[in-house]
Amino acid sequence: MNKISDDKLDNITGGNTTVNGPIINAIVNVINLLRDAGYSVGSGIRRISENKMCPLD
């Protein structure tokens, strides 16, 4: 397997469009943010339905 230099990683091309590294990184970060938000919402729904909420007193 050939190693790719950092300069070439910044300009990844595919098809007719040019997609660079920061755009891919931003998309992955948004996907991870949505996934983590889904876990939090799901956990909150489960805790409410099982009546296992922490007391606020």
N, C-alpha and C. Protein backbone atom coordinates (compact mmCIF):
# COMPACT_ATOMS: atom_id res chain seq x y z
N MET A 1 0.84 -1.17 0.00
CA MET A 1 0.00 0.00 0.00
C MET A 1 0.88 1.24 0.00
N ASN A 2 0.59 2.16 -0.89
CA ASN A 2 1.38 3.39 -1.00
C ASN A 2 0.92 4.42 0.01
N LYS A 3 1.87 5.14 0.59
CA LYS A 3 1.54 6.22 1.51
C LYS A 3 1.31 7.49 0.71
N ILE A 4 0.28 8.25 1.12
CA ILE A 4 -0.05 9.50 0.45
C ILE A 4 0.43 10.65 1.31
N SER A 5 1.08 11.61 0.68
CA SER A 5 1.59 12.76 1.43
C SER A 5 0.44 13.66 1.88
N ASP A 6 0.74 14.49 2.87
CA ASP A 6 -0.27 15.40 3.41
C ASP A 6 -0.77 16.39 2.36
N ASP A 7 0.12 16.80 1.46
CA ASP A 7 -0.29 17.75 0.41
C ASP A 7 -1.33 17.14 -0.51
N LYS A 8 -1.18 15.88 -0.85
CA LYS A 8 -2.13 15.21 -1.73
C LYS A 8 -3.44 14.89 -1.01
N LEU A 9 -3.40 14.71 0.30
CA LEU A 9 -4.62 14.43 1.06
C LEU A 9 -5.54 15.64 1.10
N ASP A 10 -4.99 16.84 0.98
CA ASP A 10 -5.81 18.05 1.00
C ASP A 10 -6.66 18.20 -0.26
N ASN A 11 -6.27 17.58 -1.34
CA ASN A 11 -6.99 17.72 -2.61
C ASN A 11 -7.41 16.36 -3.15
N ILE A 12 -8.37 15.75 -2.50
CA ILE A 12 -8.90 14.47 -2.96
C ILE A 12 -9.92 14.76 -4.04
N THR A 13 -9.77 14.13 -5.18
CA THR A 13 -10.73 14.35 -6.26
C THR A 13 -11.44 13.04 -6.57
N GLY A 14 -12.69 13.17 -6.97
CA GLY A 14 -13.46 12.00 -7.33
C GLY A 14 -14.55 12.39 -8.31
N GLY A 15 -14.60 11.74 -9.44
CA GLY A 15 -15.61 12.08 -10.43
C GLY A 15 -15.34 13.44 -11.04
N ASN A 16 -16.39 14.21 -11.24
CA ASN A 16 -16.25 15.53 -11.87
C ASN A 16 -16.12 16.65 -10.86
N THR A 17 -16.25 16.35 -9.58
CA THR A 17 -16.18 17.40 -8.56
C THR A 17 -14.91 17.24 -7.75
N THR A 18 -14.48 18.33 -7.17
CA THR A 18 -13.30 18.31 -6.31
C THR A 18 -13.76 18.39 -4.86
N VAL A 19 -13.40 17.39 -4.08
CA VAL A 19 -13.74 17.36 -2.66
C VAL A 19 -12.44 17.38 -1.90
N ASN A 20 -12.26 18.37 -1.05
CA ASN A 20 -11.01 18.43 -0.30
C ASN A 20 -11.21 17.93 1.13
N GLY A 21 -10.13 17.72 1.82
CA GLY A 21 -10.13 17.15 3.16
C GLY A 21 -10.99 17.88 4.17
N PRO A 22 -10.92 19.21 4.27
CA PRO A 22 -11.74 19.91 5.26
C PRO A 22 -13.24 19.72 5.06
N ILE A 23 -13.68 19.62 3.81
CA ILE A 23 -15.11 19.40 3.56
C ILE A 23 -15.52 18.03 4.06
N ILE A 24 -14.71 17.02 3.78
CA ILE A 24 -15.01 15.67 4.26
C ILE A 24 -15.02 15.64 5.78
N ASN A 25 -14.06 16.31 6.39
CA ASN A 25 -13.97 16.37 7.85
C ASN A 25 -15.20 17.05 8.45
N ALA A 26 -15.68 18.12 7.83
CA ALA A 26 -16.87 18.82 8.32
C ALA A 26 -18.10 17.93 8.22
N ILE A 27 -18.23 17.20 7.13
CA ILE A 27 -19.38 16.30 6.95
C ILE A 27 -19.35 15.20 8.00
N VAL A 28 -18.19 14.64 8.26
CA VAL A 28 -18.07 13.58 9.27
C VAL A 28 -18.40 14.13 10.65
N ASN A 29 -17.96 15.36 10.95
CA ASN A 29 -18.26 15.96 12.25
C ASN A 29 -19.76 16.19 12.42
N VAL A 30 -20.45 16.61 11.36
CA VAL A 30 -21.90 16.81 11.44
C VAL A 30 -22.60 15.47 11.67
N ILE A 31 -22.17 14.44 10.98
CA ILE A 31 -22.77 13.11 11.15
C ILE A 31 -22.56 12.62 12.58
N ASN A 32 -21.36 12.80 13.11
CA ASN A 32 -21.10 12.39 14.50
C ASN A 32 -21.93 13.20 15.49
N LEU A 33 -22.11 14.48 15.23
CA LEU A 33 -22.94 15.32 16.11
C LEU A 33 -24.38 14.85 16.11
N LEU A 34 -24.93 14.54 14.93
CA LEU A 34 -26.30 14.05 14.84
C LEU A 34 -26.46 12.70 15.53
N ARG A 35 -25.45 11.83 15.37
CA ARG A 35 -25.51 10.51 16.02
C ARG A 35 -25.49 10.65 17.54
N ASP A 36 -24.61 11.50 18.05
CA ASP A 36 -24.54 11.71 19.50
C ASP A 36 -25.82 12.33 20.04
N ALA A 37 -26.41 13.26 19.28
CA ALA A 37 -27.68 13.85 19.69
C ALA A 37 -28.77 12.80 19.73
N GLY A 38 -28.77 11.89 18.76
CA GLY A 38 -29.76 10.80 18.75
C GLY A 38 -29.62 9.89 19.95
N TYR A 39 -28.37 9.59 20.32
CA TYR A 39 -28.16 8.76 21.51
C TYR A 39 -28.68 9.47 22.76
N SER A 40 -28.42 10.77 22.86
CA SER A 40 -28.88 11.52 24.04
C SER A 40 -30.40 11.58 24.11
N VAL A 41 -31.04 11.85 22.98
CA VAL A 41 -32.50 11.91 22.97
C VAL A 41 -33.09 10.54 23.29
N GLY A 42 -32.54 9.49 22.71
CA GLY A 42 -33.02 8.14 22.98
C GLY A 42 -32.84 7.74 24.43
N SER A 43 -31.70 8.12 25.00
CA SER A 43 -31.46 7.82 26.41
C SER A 43 -32.44 8.57 27.30
N GLY A 44 -32.70 9.82 26.96
CA GLY A 44 -33.67 10.61 27.74
C GLY A 44 -35.07 10.02 27.66
N ILE A 45 -35.48 9.60 26.48
CA ILE A 45 -36.81 8.98 26.32
C ILE A 45 -36.89 7.69 27.13
N ARG A 46 -35.83 6.89 27.07
CA ARG A 46 -35.83 5.62 27.83
C ARG A 46 -35.89 5.88 29.33
N ARG A 47 -35.12 6.87 29.82
CA ARG A 47 -35.12 7.16 31.26
C ARG A 47 -36.46 7.69 31.72
N ILE A 48 -37.11 8.50 30.89
CA ILE A 48 -38.44 9.02 31.24
C ILE A 48 -39.45 7.89 31.26
N SER A 49 -39.40 7.00 30.27
CA SER A 49 -40.40 5.92 30.21
C SER A 49 -40.22 4.90 31.32
N GLU A 50 -38.96 4.71 31.78
CA GLU A 50 -38.72 3.77 32.87
C GLU A 50 -38.77 4.44 34.24
N ASN A 51 -39.06 5.74 34.27
CA ASN A 51 -39.15 6.52 35.50
C ASN A 51 -37.85 6.43 36.31
N LYS A 52 -36.71 6.59 35.65
CA LYS A 52 -35.41 6.54 36.31
C LYS A 52 -34.69 7.86 36.17
N MET A 53 -35.40 8.94 36.44
CA MET A 53 -34.81 10.27 36.36
C MET A 53 -34.13 10.62 37.67
N CYS A 54 -33.06 11.38 37.60
CA CYS A 54 -32.37 11.83 38.81
C CYS A 54 -33.21 12.93 39.47
N PRO A 55 -33.34 12.90 40.79
CA PRO A 55 -34.14 13.94 41.45
C PRO A 55 -33.41 15.29 41.36
N LEU A 56 -34.19 16.35 41.22
CA LEU A 56 -33.61 17.70 41.13
C LEU A 56 -33.58 18.40 42.47
N ASP A 57 -34.01 17.76 43.53
CA ASP A 57 -34.05 18.38 44.86
C ASP A 57 -32.69 18.44 45.49
